[in-house]
């Protein structure tokens, strides 16, 4: 604003926006709310707070990762224990078939020598229990 221009004055009843507009028109800079030191301190505090928040999040992630690893180890241990149980195979089927055939042959030989009739399940339970 030129130096020879008349100053515009604000009525005390005017709103704050009007007073600020008049102050800008007169070339008066806006009053600073904070000093440079206060701004630097607030910036430093904000940075410290961000660092603390990040550290807390990192610690939480470490704890969760450790818990997950423990759960995975437990799960794998249970799976390993379950895998060690008996698995039915074709060899086992052939072995049990041979055993049943042997019992049936014994039953047939006994049926020829003994009077009366004994059923195979009854004979099996009596002699192999």
C-alpha atoms as a PDB file:
ATOM      1  CA  UNK A   1       0.000   0.000   0.000  1.00  0.00           C
ATOM      2  CA  UNK A   2       1.331   3.465  -0.802  1.00  0.00           C
ATOM      3  CA  UNK A   3       2.617   5.487   2.127  1.00  0.00           C
ATOM      4  CA  UNK A   4       0.440   8.526   1.322  1.00  0.00           C
ATOM      5  CA  UNK A   5      -2.869   6.595   1.364  1.00  0.00           C
ATOM      6  CA  UNK A   6      -5.174   7.333   4.288  1.00  0.00           C
ATOM      7  CA  UNK A   7      -5.501   4.635   6.927  1.00  0.00           C
ATOM      8  CA  UNK A   8      -8.790   2.800   7.213  1.00  0.00           C
ATOM      9  CA  UNK A   9      -9.971   2.493  10.789  1.00  0.00           C
ATOM     10  CA  UNK A  10     -12.346  -0.148  12.109  1.00  0.00           C
ATOM     11  CA  UNK A  11     -15.252   0.512  14.378  1.00  0.00           C
ATOM     12  CA  UNK A  12     -14.924  -1.505  17.630  1.00  0.00           C
ATOM     13  CA  UNK A  13     -18.372  -3.001  16.993  1.00  0.00           C
ATOM     14  CA  UNK A  14     -17.274  -4.508  13.663  1.00  0.00           C
ATOM     15  CA  UNK A  15     -16.740  -8.241  13.456  1.00  0.00           C
ATOM     16  CA  UNK A  16     -13.288  -9.773  13.692  1.00  0.00           C
ATOM     17  CA  UNK A  17     -13.287 -10.594   9.973  1.00  0.00           C
ATOM     18  CA  UNK A  18     -13.893  -6.941   9.105  1.00  0.00           C
ATOM     19  CA  UNK A  19     -11.149  -5.831  11.478  1.00  0.00           C
ATOM     20  CA  UNK A  20      -8.700  -8.309   9.915  1.00  0.00           C
ATOM     21  CA  UNK A  21      -9.614  -7.151   6.407  1.00  0.00           C
ATOM     22  CA  UNK A  22      -8.993  -3.523   7.361  1.00  0.00           C
ATOM     23  CA  UNK A  23      -5.671  -4.458   8.993  1.00  0.00           C
ATOM     24  CA  UNK A  24      -4.577  -6.218   5.781  1.00  0.00           C
ATOM     25  CA  UNK A  25      -5.620  -3.205   3.734  1.00  0.00           C
ATOM     26  CA  UNK A  26      -3.488  -0.970   5.958  1.00  0.00           C
ATOM     27  CA  UNK A  27      -0.480  -3.283   5.466  1.00  0.00           C
ATOM     28  CA  UNK A  28      -0.383  -4.382   9.097  1.00  0.00           C
ATOM     29  CA  UNK A  29       0.884  -7.948   9.349  1.00  0.00           C
ATOM     30  CA  UNK A  30      -1.185 -10.411  11.291  1.00  0.00           C
ATOM     31  CA  UNK A  31      -0.173 -10.811  14.897  1.00  0.00           C
ATOM     32  CA  UNK A  32       1.751 -13.982  15.480  1.00  0.00           C
ATOM     33  CA  UNK A  33       0.067 -16.433  17.824  1.00  0.00           C
ATOM     34  CA  UNK A  34       3.284 -18.277  18.755  1.00  0.00           C
ATOM     35  CA  UNK A  35       6.920 -17.360  18.892  1.00  0.00           C
ATOM     36  CA  UNK A  36       9.493 -19.208  16.794  1.00  0.00           C
ATOM     37  CA  UNK A  37      10.722 -21.057  19.890  1.00  0.00           C
ATOM     38  CA  UNK A  38       7.199 -22.211  20.733  1.00  0.00           C
ATOM     39  CA  UNK A  39       6.731 -23.476  17.184  1.00  0.00           C
ATOM     40  CA  UNK A  40      10.043 -25.389  17.318  1.00  0.00           C
ATOM     41  CA  UNK A  41       9.092 -26.927  20.658  1.00  0.00           C
ATOM     42  CA  UNK A  42       5.677 -28.013  19.363  1.00  0.00           C
ATOM     43  CA  UNK A  43       7.263 -29.518  16.227  1.00  0.00           C
ATOM     44  CA  UNK A  44       9.779 -31.398  18.384  1.00  0.00           C
ATOM     45  CA  UNK A  45       7.008 -32.659  20.681  1.00  0.00           C
ATOM     46  CA  UNK A  46       4.959 -33.835  17.704  1.00  0.00           C
ATOM     47  CA  UNK A  47       7.982 -35.673  16.281  1.00  0.00           C
ATOM     48  CA  UNK A  48       8.647 -37.301  19.659  1.00  0.00           C
ATOM     49  CA  UNK A  49       5.021 -38.370  19.920  1.00  0.00           C
ATOM     50  CA  UNK A  50       5.145 -39.878  16.410  1.00  0.00           C
ATOM     51  CA  UNK A  51       8.337 -41.766  17.286  1.00  0.00           C
ATOM     52  CA  UNK A  52       6.780 -43.127  20.488  1.00  0.00           C
ATOM     53  CA  UNK A  53       3.668 -44.211  18.602  1.00  0.00           C
ATOM     54  CA  UNK A  54       5.780 -45.982  15.973  1.00  0.00           C
ATOM     55  CA  UNK A  55       7.832 -47.700  18.691  1.00  0.00           C
ATOM     56  CA  UNK A  56       4.650 -48.921  20.417  1.00  0.00           C
ATOM     57  CA  UNK A  57       3.273 -50.230  17.125  1.00  0.00           C
ATOM     58  CA  UNK A  58       6.554 -52.012  16.378  1.00  0.00           C
ATOM     59  CA  UNK A  59       6.539 -53.621  19.836  1.00  0.00           C
ATOM     60  CA  UNK A  60       2.933 -54.744  19.337  1.00  0.00           C
ATOM     61  CA  UNK A  61       3.843 -56.257  15.969  1.00  0.00           C
ATOM     62  CA  UNK A  62       6.801 -58.103  17.529  1.00  0.00           C
ATOM     63  CA  UNK A  63       4.564 -59.539  20.250  1.00  0.00           C
ATOM     64  CA  UNK A  64       1.939 -60.612  17.712  1.00  0.00           C
ATOM     65  CA  UNK A  65       4.598 -62.218  15.496  1.00  0.00           C
ATOM     66  CA  UNK A  66       5.999 -64.163  18.458  1.00  0.00           C
ATOM     67  CA  UNK A  67       2.506 -65.335  19.431  1.00  0.00           C
ATOM     68  CA  UNK A  68       1.791 -66.401  15.860  1.00  0.00           C
ATOM     69  CA  UNK A  69       5.074 -68.315  15.668  1.00  0.00           C
ATOM     70  CA  UNK A  70       4.205 -70.110  18.909  1.00  0.00           C
ATOM     71  CA  UNK A  71       0.763 -71.037  17.617  1.00  0.00           C
ATOM     72  CA  UNK A  72       2.287 -72.329  14.370  1.00  0.00           C
ATOM     73  CA  UNK A  73       4.792 -74.473  16.290  1.00  0.00           C
ATOM     74  CA  UNK A  74       1.985 -75.933  18.406  1.00  0.00           C
ATOM     75  CA  UNK A  75      -0.105 -76.598  15.308  1.00  0.00           C
ATOM     76  CA  UNK A  76       2.798 -78.378  13.573  1.00  0.00           C
ATOM     77  CA  UNK A  77       3.457 -80.448  16.701  1.00  0.00           C
ATOM     78  CA  UNK A  78      -0.187 -81.561  16.768  1.00  0.00           C
ATOM     79  CA  UNK A  79      -0.062 -82.424  13.066  1.00  0.00           C
ATOM     80  CA  UNK A  80       3.128 -84.434  13.574  1.00  0.00           C
ATOM     81  CA  UNK A  81       1.501 -86.368  16.424  1.00  0.00           C
ATOM     82  CA  UNK A  82      -1.585 -87.031  14.301  1.00  0.00           C
ATOM     83  CA  UNK A  83       0.544 -88.211  11.363  1.00  0.00           C
ATOM     84  CA  UNK A  84       2.268 -90.868  13.520  1.00  0.00           C
ATOM     85  CA  UNK A  85      -0.920 -92.901  14.020  1.00  0.00           C
ATOM     86  CA  UNK A  86      -1.558 -96.150  12.157  1.00  0.00           C
ATOM     87  CA  UNK A  87      -2.276 -95.718   8.476  1.00  0.00           C
ATOM     88  CA  UNK A  88      -4.281 -98.490   6.803  1.00  0.00           C
ATOM     89  CA  UNK A  89      -2.434 -99.774   3.756  1.00  0.00           C
ATOM     90  CA  UNK A  90      -2.930-102.468   1.169  1.00  0.00           C
ATOM     91  CA  UNK A  91      -0.297-104.591   2.908  1.00  0.00           C
ATOM     92  CA  UNK A  92      -2.269-104.411   6.158  1.00  0.00           C
ATOM     93  CA  UNK A  93      -5.425-105.427   4.273  1.00  0.00           C
ATOM     94  CA  UNK A  94      -3.681-108.476   2.794  1.00  0.00           C
ATOM     95  CA  UNK A  95      -2.303-109.416   6.211  1.00  0.00           C
ATOM     96  CA  UNK A  96      -5.731-109.275   7.889  1.00  0.00           C
ATOM     97  CA  UNK A  97      -7.243-111.214   4.981  1.00  0.00           C
ATOM     98  CA  UNK A  98      -4.666-113.980   5.451  1.00  0.00           C
ATOM     99  CA  UNK A  99      -5.418-114.067   9.198  1.00  0.00           C
ATOM    100  CA  UNK A 100      -9.178-114.381   8.619  1.00  0.00           C
ATOM    101  CA  UNK A 101      -8.590-117.122   6.028  1.00  0.00           C
ATOM    102  CA  UNK A 102      -6.429-119.019   8.531  1.00  0.00           C
ATOM    103  CA  UNK A 103      -9.139-118.746  11.237  1.00  0.00           C
ATOM    104  CA  UNK A 104     -11.797-119.873   8.765  1.00  0.00           C
ATOM    105  CA  UNK A 105      -9.716-122.915   7.739  1.00  0.00           C
ATOM    106  CA  UNK A 106      -9.297-123.858  11.412  1.00  0.00           C
ATOM    107  CA  UNK A 107     -13.064-123.490  11.880  1.00  0.00           C
ATOM    108  CA  UNK A 108     -13.778-125.702   8.854  1.00  0.00           C
ATOM    109  CA  UNK A 109     -11.396-128.444  10.095  1.00  0.00           C
ATOM    110  CA  UNK A 110     -12.959-128.296  13.554  1.00  0.00           C
ATOM    111  CA  UNK A 111     -16.480-128.454  12.073  1.00  0.00           C
ATOM    112  CA  UNK A 112     -15.596-131.739  10.315  1.00  0.00           C
ATOM    113  CA  UNK A 113     -14.222-133.324  13.514  1.00  0.00           C
ATOM    114  CA  UNK A 114     -16.764-132.046  16.050  1.00  0.00           C
ATOM    115  CA  UNK A 115     -20.449-132.806  16.261  1.00  0.00           C
ATOM    116  CA  UNK A 116     -22.814-129.828  16.145  1.00  0.00           C
ATOM    117  CA  UNK A 117     -22.384-126.490  14.445  1.00  0.00           C
ATOM    118  CA  UNK A 118     -20.449-123.490  15.726  1.00  0.00           C
ATOM    119  CA  UNK A 119     -20.787-120.240  13.793  1.00  0.00           C
ATOM    120  CA  UNK A 120     -17.612-118.567  12.591  1.00  0.00           C
ATOM    121  CA  UNK A 121     -18.118-115.305  14.584  1.00  0.00           C
ATOM    122  CA  UNK A 122     -18.737-117.271  17.771  1.00  0.00           C
ATOM    123  CA  UNK A 123     -15.655-119.436  17.120  1.00  0.00           C
ATOM    124  CA  UNK A 124     -13.570-116.353  16.360  1.00  0.00           C
ATOM    125  CA  UNK A 125     -14.592-114.631  19.608  1.00  0.00           C
ATOM    126  CA  UNK A 126     -14.046-117.760  21.708  1.00  0.00           C
ATOM    127  CA  UNK A 127     -10.579-118.557  20.389  1.00  0.00           C
ATOM    128  CA  UNK A 128      -9.022-115.172  19.604  1.00  0.00           C
ATOM    129  CA  UNK A 129     -10.320-112.795  22.260  1.00  0.00           C
END
